[in-house]
Amino acid sequence: MALPKDNRTVLIIGGGLAVVAAVAAALVFSGGRDRPTEAPPASQGGLTIDLAEAPSLEPARELRCFVDGQFVGLATLADCAQRNGVATSALDVGLDATGALAAAPTAAFAPPPELPAEPTVTVAPADEGASPAESNRPAPAASATACLRHTGSEWRSIGNGMSLGACVQALYAGTCVRPGEAQYGRWGDTTLRLVPRRVEQSNDNNRFRTLAQQDRNCQFPELS
């Protein structure tokens, strides 16, 4: 039996809409497969803190506080400085070995080591009556400045004839330390000390001043 003209029109329109919907769905699903899958932010890791921004943390935020090399509990940066008897600027702030934010006085865990002994040479006495003190005397000054690294138990030579910047790069490029830690070196008569975010220098092995800043990649752009 033939369908009325109006019914045929409805069927034609309905079929056309179904085709359009199918094409649109195919485009949507194919486009979704082409896009790379990205993990949600919550699954990409926990809190990350840039050590260079650590000193500007909120005043009320608590962190792990170290006094005389010992963990004394959580405290704000100001409270931790007060417990150490220093200004907040004298504290190094960053992530400690546990991965938590911590504050400690500069080089609190690593005081300056003893200076390397001057090399000596043995000289044959001019005669039998020469005193024993004359048999050992300081070696002549080297013509090239020595660069030394302190390994924790002794001083080891890195090289001679380096500039100050080259010595710092040879000692510390690519190396970062945590709050309270320090690594020591020598360039001629100058003691070098790597602490968080900077390398320092001292002429008396006691009072240190900043030589160069260290970036987040543990490099020294000022010395390149």
C-alpha atoms as a PDB file:
ATOM      1  CA  MET A   1       0.000   0.000   0.000  1.00  0.00           C
ATOM      2  CA  ALA A   2       1.452   3.392  -0.978  1.00  0.00           C
ATOM      3  CA  LEU A   3       2.322   5.793   1.821  1.00  0.00           C
ATOM      4  CA  PRO A   4       0.754   9.213   1.871  1.00  0.00           C
ATOM      5  CA  LYS A   5       2.937  11.977   0.474  1.00  0.00           C
ATOM      6  CA  ASP A   6       3.311  13.628   3.907  1.00  0.00           C
ATOM      7  CA  ASN A   7       4.614  10.407   5.493  1.00  0.00           C
ATOM      8  CA  ARG A   8       7.227   9.959   2.756  1.00  0.00           C
ATOM      9  CA  THR A   9       8.475  13.483   3.368  1.00  0.00           C
ATOM     10  CA  VAL A  10       8.860  12.802   7.103  1.00  0.00           C
ATOM     11  CA  LEU A  11      10.823   9.595   6.446  1.00  0.00           C
ATOM     12  CA  ILE A  12      13.175  11.334   4.003  1.00  0.00           C
ATOM     13  CA  ILE A  13      13.894  14.171   6.452  1.00  0.00           C
ATOM     14  CA  GLY A  14      14.412  11.725   9.337  1.00  0.00           C
ATOM     15  CA  GLY A  15      16.843   9.635   7.309  1.00  0.00           C
ATOM     16  CA  GLY A  16      18.832  12.709   6.344  1.00  0.00           C
ATOM     17  CA  LEU A  17      19.139  13.816   9.959  1.00  0.00           C
ATOM     18  CA  ALA A  18      20.342  10.347  10.972  1.00  0.00           C
ATOM     19  CA  VAL A  19      23.093  10.446   8.326  1.00  0.00           C
ATOM     20  CA  VAL A  20      24.229  13.911   9.448  1.00  0.00           C
ATOM     21  CA  ALA A  21      24.327  12.780  13.102  1.00  0.00           C
ATOM     22  CA  ALA A  22      26.392   9.698  12.210  1.00  0.00           C
ATOM     23  CA  VAL A  23      28.942  11.766  10.263  1.00  0.00           C
ATOM     24  CA  ALA A  24      29.256  14.290  13.112  1.00  0.00           C
ATOM     25  CA  ALA A  25      29.793  11.519  15.676  1.00  0.00           C
ATOM     26  CA  ALA A  26      32.515   9.947  13.539  1.00  0.00           C
ATOM     27  CA  LEU A  27      34.356  13.261  13.267  1.00  0.00           C
ATOM     28  CA  VAL A  28      34.200  13.811  17.028  1.00  0.00           C
ATOM     29  CA  PHE A  29      35.530  10.367  17.917  1.00  0.00           C
ATOM     30  CA  SER A  30      38.291  10.401  15.290  1.00  0.00           C
ATOM     31  CA  GLY A  31      39.443  13.856  16.448  1.00  0.00           C
ATOM     32  CA  GLY A  32      39.619  12.663  20.043  1.00  0.00           C
ATOM     33  CA  ARG A  33      41.894   9.768  19.062  1.00  0.00           C
ATOM     34  CA  ASP A  34      44.358  12.124  17.335  1.00  0.00           C
ATOM     35  CA  ARG A  35      44.929  14.261  20.426  1.00  0.00           C
ATOM     36  CA  PRO A  36      47.711  13.055  22.774  1.00  0.00           C
ATOM     37  CA  THR A  37      46.614  11.787  26.125  1.00  0.00           C
ATOM     38  CA  GLU A  38      47.741  14.047  28.977  1.00  0.00           C
ATOM     39  CA  ALA A  39      47.668  13.007  32.588  1.00  0.00           C
ATOM     40  CA  PRO A  40      45.596  15.185  34.882  1.00  0.00           C
ATOM     41  CA  PRO A  41      47.589  17.660  36.974  1.00  0.00           C
ATOM     42  CA  ALA A  42      46.862  15.759  40.167  1.00  0.00           C
ATOM     43  CA  SER A  43      48.634  12.669  38.819  1.00  0.00           C
ATOM     44  CA  GLN A  44      51.785  14.502  37.682  1.00  0.00           C
ATOM     45  CA  GLY A  45      53.370  14.738  41.095  1.00  0.00           C
ATOM     46  CA  GLY A  46      53.113  16.597  44.356  1.00  0.00           C
ATOM     47  CA  LEU A  47      54.103  20.064  45.422  1.00  0.00           C
ATOM     48  CA  THR A  48      57.248  21.407  43.766  1.00  0.00           C
ATOM     49  CA  ILE A  49      59.109  24.342  45.287  1.00  0.00           C
ATOM     50  CA  ASP A  50      61.763  26.328  43.477  1.00  0.00           C
ATOM     51  CA  LEU A  51      64.666  26.735  45.886  1.00  0.00           C
ATOM     52  CA  ALA A  52      65.347  30.201  44.503  1.00  0.00           C
ATOM     53  CA  GLU A  53      61.870  31.302  45.621  1.00  0.00           C
ATOM     54  CA  ALA A  54      61.971  29.620  49.020  1.00  0.00           C
ATOM     55  CA  PRO A  55      63.006  32.708  51.051  1.00  0.00           C
ATOM     56  CA  SER A  56      59.833  34.508  49.894  1.00  0.00           C
ATOM     57  CA  LEU A  57      57.476  31.915  51.394  1.00  0.00           C
ATOM     58  CA  GLU A  58      54.495  33.028  53.427  1.00  0.00           C
ATOM     59  CA  PRO A  59      55.590  34.178  56.912  1.00  0.00           C
ATOM     60  CA  ALA A  60      53.140  31.809  58.607  1.00  0.00           C
ATOM     61  CA  ARG A  61      54.302  28.701  56.753  1.00  0.00           C
ATOM     62  CA  GLU A  62      56.154  26.204  58.930  1.00  0.00           C
ATOM     63  CA  LEU A  63      59.206  24.271  57.815  1.00  0.00           C
ATOM     64  CA  ARG A  64      61.716  21.871  59.334  1.00  0.00           C
ATOM     65  CA  CYS A  65      64.062  23.872  61.556  1.00  0.00           C
ATOM     66  CA  PHE A  66      67.639  22.879  62.382  1.00  0.00           C
ATOM     67  CA  VAL A  67      69.659  24.337  65.269  1.00  0.00           C
ATOM     68  CA  ASP A  68      73.318  23.378  65.794  1.00  0.00           C
ATOM     69  CA  GLY A  69      72.874  20.725  63.141  1.00  0.00           C
ATOM     70  CA  GLN A  70      69.930  19.097  64.929  1.00  0.00           C
ATOM     71  CA  PHE A  71      66.280  18.962  63.870  1.00  0.00           C
ATOM     72  CA  VAL A  72      64.247  20.809  66.517  1.00  0.00           C
ATOM     73  CA  GLY A  73      60.771  20.613  65.001  1.00  0.00           C
ATOM     74  CA  LEU A  74      58.566  22.684  62.738  1.00  0.00           C
ATOM     75  CA  ALA A  75      58.754  26.472  62.890  1.00  0.00           C
ATOM     76  CA  THR A  76      58.203  29.528  60.752  1.00  0.00           C
ATOM     77  CA  LEU A  77      61.246  31.054  59.096  1.00  0.00           C
ATOM     78  CA  ALA A  78      61.304  33.899  61.634  1.00  0.00           C
ATOM     79  CA  ASP A  79      60.991  31.524  64.602  1.00  0.00           C
ATOM     80  CA  CYS A  80      63.741  29.281  63.237  1.00  0.00           C
ATOM     81  CA  ALA A  81      66.035  32.280  62.811  1.00  0.00           C
ATOM     82  CA  GLN A  82      65.298  33.343  66.395  1.00  0.00           C
ATOM     83  CA  ARG A  83      66.127  29.868  67.709  1.00  0.00           C
ATOM     84  CA  ASN A  84      69.437  30.037  65.876  1.00  0.00           C
ATOM     85  CA  GLY A  85      70.137  33.577  67.043  1.00  0.00           C
ATOM     86  CA  VAL A  86      70.559  34.874  63.496  1.00  0.00           C
ATOM     87  CA  ALA A  87      68.652  36.944  60.965  1.00  0.00           C
ATOM     88  CA  THR A  88      66.367  35.181  58.506  1.00  0.00           C
ATOM     89  CA  SER A  89      68.798  36.097  55.724  1.00  0.00           C
ATOM     90  CA  ALA A  90      71.420  33.910  57.435  1.00  0.00           C
ATOM     91  CA  LEU A  91      69.277  30.796  56.963  1.00  0.00           C
ATOM     92  CA  ASP A  92      69.431  28.604  53.883  1.00  0.00           C
ATOM     93  CA  VAL A  93      65.982  27.402  52.824  1.00  0.00           C
ATOM     94  CA  GLY A  94      65.240  24.481  50.539  1.00  0.00           C
ATOM     95  CA  LEU A  95      64.372  20.799  50.397  1.00  0.00           C
ATOM     96  CA  ASP A  96      66.228  18.546  52.829  1.00  0.00           C
ATOM     97  CA  ALA A  97      67.105  14.861  52.466  1.00  0.00           C
ATOM     98  CA  THR A  98      63.513  13.867  53.284  1.00  0.00           C
ATOM     99  CA  GLY A  99      62.120  16.064  50.517  1.00  0.00           C
ATOM    100  CA  ALA A 100      60.506  18.466  53.000  1.00  0.00           C
ATOM    101  CA  LEU A 101      61.058  22.208  53.136  1.00  0.00           C
ATOM    102  CA  ALA A 102      63.752  23.014  55.703  1.00  0.00           C
ATOM    103  CA  ALA A 103      65.813  25.898  57.060  1.00  0.00           C
ATOM    104  CA  ALA A 104      69.281  25.809  58.585  1.00  0.00           C
ATOM    105  CA  PRO A 105      72.119  28.286  59.125  1.00  0.00           C
ATOM    106  CA  THR A 106      74.617  28.413  56.290  1.00  0.00           C
ATOM    107  CA  ALA A 107      77.088  25.507  56.496  1.00  0.00           C
ATOM    108  CA  ALA A 108      75.655  24.406  59.862  1.00  0.00           C
ATOM    109  CA  PHE A 109      76.452  20.778  59.040  1.00  0.00           C
ATOM    110  CA  ALA A 110      79.853  21.442  57.478  1.00  0.00           C
ATOM    111  CA  PRO A 111      82.178  23.961  59.160  1.00  0.00           C
ATOM    112  CA  PRO A 112      85.319  25.007  57.271  1.00  0.00           C
ATOM    113  CA  PRO A 113      88.030  22.306  57.289  1.00  0.00           C
ATOM    114  CA  GLU A 114      91.608  22.922  58.295  1.00  0.00           C
ATOM    115  CA  LEU A 115      93.705  24.559  55.624  1.00  0.00           C
ATOM    116  CA  PRO A 116      95.997  22.331  53.579  1.00  0.00           C
ATOM    117  CA  ALA A 117      99.552  22.089  54.852  1.00  0.00           C
ATOM    118  CA  GLU A 118     102.213  23.837  52.835  1.00  0.00           C
ATOM    119  CA  PRO A 119     104.236  21.368  50.773  1.00  0.00           C
ATOM    120  CA  THR A 120     107.785  20.812  51.987  1.00  0.00           C
ATOM    121  CA  VAL A 121     110.950  19.598  50.324  1.00  0.00           C
ATOM    122  CA  THR A 122     113.858  17.839  51.941  1.00  0.00           C
ATOM    123  CA  VAL A 123     117.174  19.607  51.470  1.00  0.00           C
ATOM    124  CA  ALA A 124     120.481  17.908  52.196  1.00  0.00           C
ATOM    125  CA  PRO A 125     122.310  19.695  55.011  1.00  0.00           C
ATOM    126  CA  ALA A 126     125.298  21.772  53.987  1.00  0.00           C
ATOM    127  CA  ASP A 127     127.351  20.134  56.705  1.00  0.00           C
ATOM    128  CA  GLU A 128     126.992  17.731  59.576  1.00  0.00           C
ATOM    129  CA  GLY A 129     126.452  20.571  61.999  1.00  0.00           C
ATOM    130  CA  ALA A 130     123.296  21.820  60.297  1.00  0.00           C
ATOM    131  CA  SER A 131     120.222  21.885  62.508  1.00  0.00           C
ATOM    132  CA  PRO A 132     117.290  19.506  61.766  1.00  0.00           C
ATOM    133  CA  ALA A 133     115.015  22.490  61.146  1.00  0.00           C
ATOM    134  CA  GLU A 134     117.093  23.428  58.135  1.00  0.00           C
ATOM    135  CA  SER A 135     116.470  20.054  56.507  1.00  0.00           C
ATOM    136  CA  ASN A 136     112.772  20.849  55.997  1.00  0.00           C
ATOM    137  CA  ARG A 137     111.640  24.169  54.669  1.00  0.00           C
ATOM    138  CA  PRO A 138     108.662  25.429  52.637  1.00  0.00           C
ATOM    139  CA  ALA A 139     108.838  24.666  48.967  1.00  0.00           C
ATOM    140  CA  PRO A 140     109.227  27.599  46.598  1.00  0.00           C
ATOM    141  CA  ALA A 141     105.944  29.212  45.642  1.00  0.00           C
ATOM    142  CA  ALA A 142     104.355  27.589  42.641  1.00  0.00           C
ATOM    143  CA  SER A 143     104.200  29.703  39.531  1.00  0.00           C
ATOM    144  CA  ALA A 144     100.603  28.601  38.861  1.00  0.00           C
ATOM    145  CA  THR A 145      97.653  28.969  41.238  1.00  0.00           C
ATOM    146  CA  ALA A 146      96.462  25.605  42.547  1.00  0.00           C
ATOM    147  CA  CYS A 147      92.799  24.563  42.603  1.00  0.00           C
ATOM    148  CA  LEU A 148      91.973  22.082  45.377  1.00  0.00           C
ATOM    149  CA  ARG A 149      88.894  20.135  46.461  1.00  0.00           C
ATOM    150  CA  HIS A 150      88.222  19.028  50.039  1.00  0.00           C
ATOM    151  CA  THR A 151      86.863  15.482  49.989  1.00  0.00           C
ATOM    152  CA  GLY A 152      85.813  15.406  53.634  1.00  0.00           C
ATOM    153  CA  SER A 153      89.087  13.979  54.887  1.00  0.00           C
ATOM    154  CA  GLU A 154      91.794  15.528  52.720  1.00  0.00           C
ATOM    155  CA  TRP A 155      92.595  18.119  50.077  1.00  0.00           C
ATOM    156  CA  ARG A 156      93.027  16.911  46.507  1.00  0.00           C
ATOM    157  CA  SER A 157      94.391  18.840  43.561  1.00  0.00           C
ATOM    158  CA  ILE A 158      92.054  19.567  40.660  1.00  0.00           C
ATOM    159  CA  GLY A 159      94.592  21.416  38.574  1.00  0.00           C
ATOM    160  CA  ASN A 160      97.029  24.316  38.359  1.00  0.00           C
ATOM    161  CA  GLY A 161      97.039  27.534  36.427  1.00  0.00           C
ATOM    162  CA  MET A 162      93.241  27.952  36.467  1.00  0.00           C
ATOM    163  CA  SER A 163      91.469  31.262  36.814  1.00  0.00           C
ATOM    164  CA  LEU A 164      89.179  31.697  39.811  1.00  0.00           C
ATOM    165  CA  GLY A 165      86.088  31.202  37.658  1.00  0.00           C
ATOM    166  CA  ALA A 166      87.503  28.079  36.020  1.00  0.00           C
ATOM    167  CA  CYS A 167      88.341  26.623  39.427  1.00  0.00           C
ATOM    168  CA  VAL A 168      84.783  27.223  40.665  1.00  0.00           C
ATOM    169  CA  GLN A 169      83.355  25.599  37.543  1.00  0.00           C
ATOM    170  CA  ALA A 170      85.650  22.583  37.904  1.00  0.00           C
ATOM    171  CA  LEU A 171      84.697  22.168  41.555  1.00  0.00           C
ATOM    172  CA  TYR A 172      80.973  22.843  41.595  1.00  0.00           C
ATOM    173  CA  ALA A 173      79.348  23.057  38.140  1.00  0.00           C
ATOM    174  CA  GLY A 174      76.303  20.781  38.152  1.00  0.00           C
ATOM    175  CA  THR A 175      76.408  20.288  41.936  1.00  0.00           C
ATOM    176  CA  CYS A 176      73.819  21.632  44.379  1.00  0.00           C
ATOM    177  CA  VAL A 177      73.742  21.219  48.161  1.00  0.00           C
ATOM    178  CA  ARG A 178      70.892  21.183  50.682  1.00  0.00           C
ATOM    179  CA  PRO A 179      70.280  23.675  53.503  1.00  0.00           C
ATOM    180  CA  GLY A 180      73.009  23.502  56.128  1.00  0.00           C
ATOM    181  CA  GLU A 181      75.376  21.591  53.836  1.00  0.00           C
ATOM    182  CA  ALA A 182      78.546  22.949  52.227  1.00  0.00           C
ATOM    183  CA  GLN A 183      81.403  21.814  50.014  1.00  0.00           C
ATOM    184  CA  TYR A 184      84.851  23.380  50.244  1.00  0.00           C
ATOM    185  CA  GLY A 185      87.644  24.097  47.830  1.00  0.00           C
ATOM    186  CA  ARG A 186      90.737  26.266  47.556  1.00  0.00           C
ATOM    187  CA  TRP A 187      92.019  28.566  44.853  1.00  0.00           C
ATOM    188  CA  GLY A 188      95.472  29.692  45.846  1.00  0.00           C
ATOM    189  CA  ASP A 189      95.081  31.266  49.289  1.00  0.00           C
ATOM    190  CA  THR A 190      91.306  31.673  48.933  1.00  0.00           C
ATOM    191  CA  THR A 191      88.842  29.231  50.498  1.00  0.00           C
ATOM    192  CA  LEU A 192      85.790  28.496  48.349  1.00  0.00           C
ATOM    193  CA  ARG A 193      82.493  27.274  49.787  1.00  0.00           C
ATOM    194  CA  LEU A 194      79.457  25.967  47.915  1.00  0.00           C
ATOM    195  CA  VAL A 195      76.205  26.532  49.817  1.00  0.00           C
ATOM    196  CA  PRO A 196      72.594  26.574  48.569  1.00  0.00           C
ATOM    197  CA  ARG A 197      72.174  28.884  45.559  1.00  0.00           C
ATOM    198  CA  ARG A 198      75.665  30.419  45.670  1.00  0.00           C
ATOM    199  CA  VAL A 199      79.409  29.926  46.004  1.00  0.00           C
ATOM    200  CA  GLU A 200      81.307  31.998  48.559  1.00  0.00           C
ATOM    201  CA  GLN A 201      84.938  32.950  49.105  1.00  0.00           C
ATOM    202  CA  SER A 202      87.056  33.756  52.149  1.00  0.00           C
ATOM    203  CA  ASN A 203      90.585  35.000  52.652  1.00  0.00           C
ATOM    204  CA  ASP A 204      90.748  33.870  56.297  1.00  0.00           C
ATOM    205  CA  ASN A 205      88.773  30.586  56.142  1.00  0.00           C
ATOM    206  CA  ASN A 206      86.230  32.116  58.514  1.00  0.00           C
ATOM    207  CA  ARG A 207      84.372  35.102  57.082  1.00  0.00           C
ATOM    208  CA  PHE A 208      82.749  34.307  53.747  1.00  0.00           C
ATOM    209  CA  ARG A 209      81.213  36.556  51.128  1.00  0.00           C
ATOM    210  CA  THR A 210      79.272  35.701  47.973  1.00  0.00           C
ATOM    211  CA  LEU A 211      81.352  35.158  44.863  1.00  0.00           C
ATOM    212  CA  ALA A 212      78.685  34.020  42.379  1.00  0.00           C
ATOM    213  CA  GLN A 213      75.032  33.013  42.355  1.00  0.00           C
ATOM    214  CA  GLN A 214      73.957  29.512  41.317  1.00  0.00           C
ATOM    215  CA  ASP A 215      70.885  28.985  39.142  1.00  0.00           C
ATOM    216  CA  ARG A 216      68.255  26.247  39.439  1.00  0.00           C
ATOM    217  CA  ASN A 217      70.313  24.016  37.131  1.00  0.00           C
ATOM    218  CA  CYS A 218      73.263  24.167  39.556  1.00  0.00           C
ATOM    219  CA  GLN A 219      75.287  26.295  37.133  1.00  0.00           C
ATOM    220  CA  PHE A 220      77.069  29.654  37.451  1.00  0.00           C
ATOM    221  CA  PRO A 221      76.029  31.941  34.565  1.00  0.00           C
ATOM    222  CA  GLU A 222      78.093  34.812  35.995  1.00  0.00           C
ATOM    223  CA  LEU A 223      81.279  32.783  35.570  1.00  0.00           C
ATOM    224  CA  SER A 224      80.642  31.414  32.086  1.00  0.00           C
END
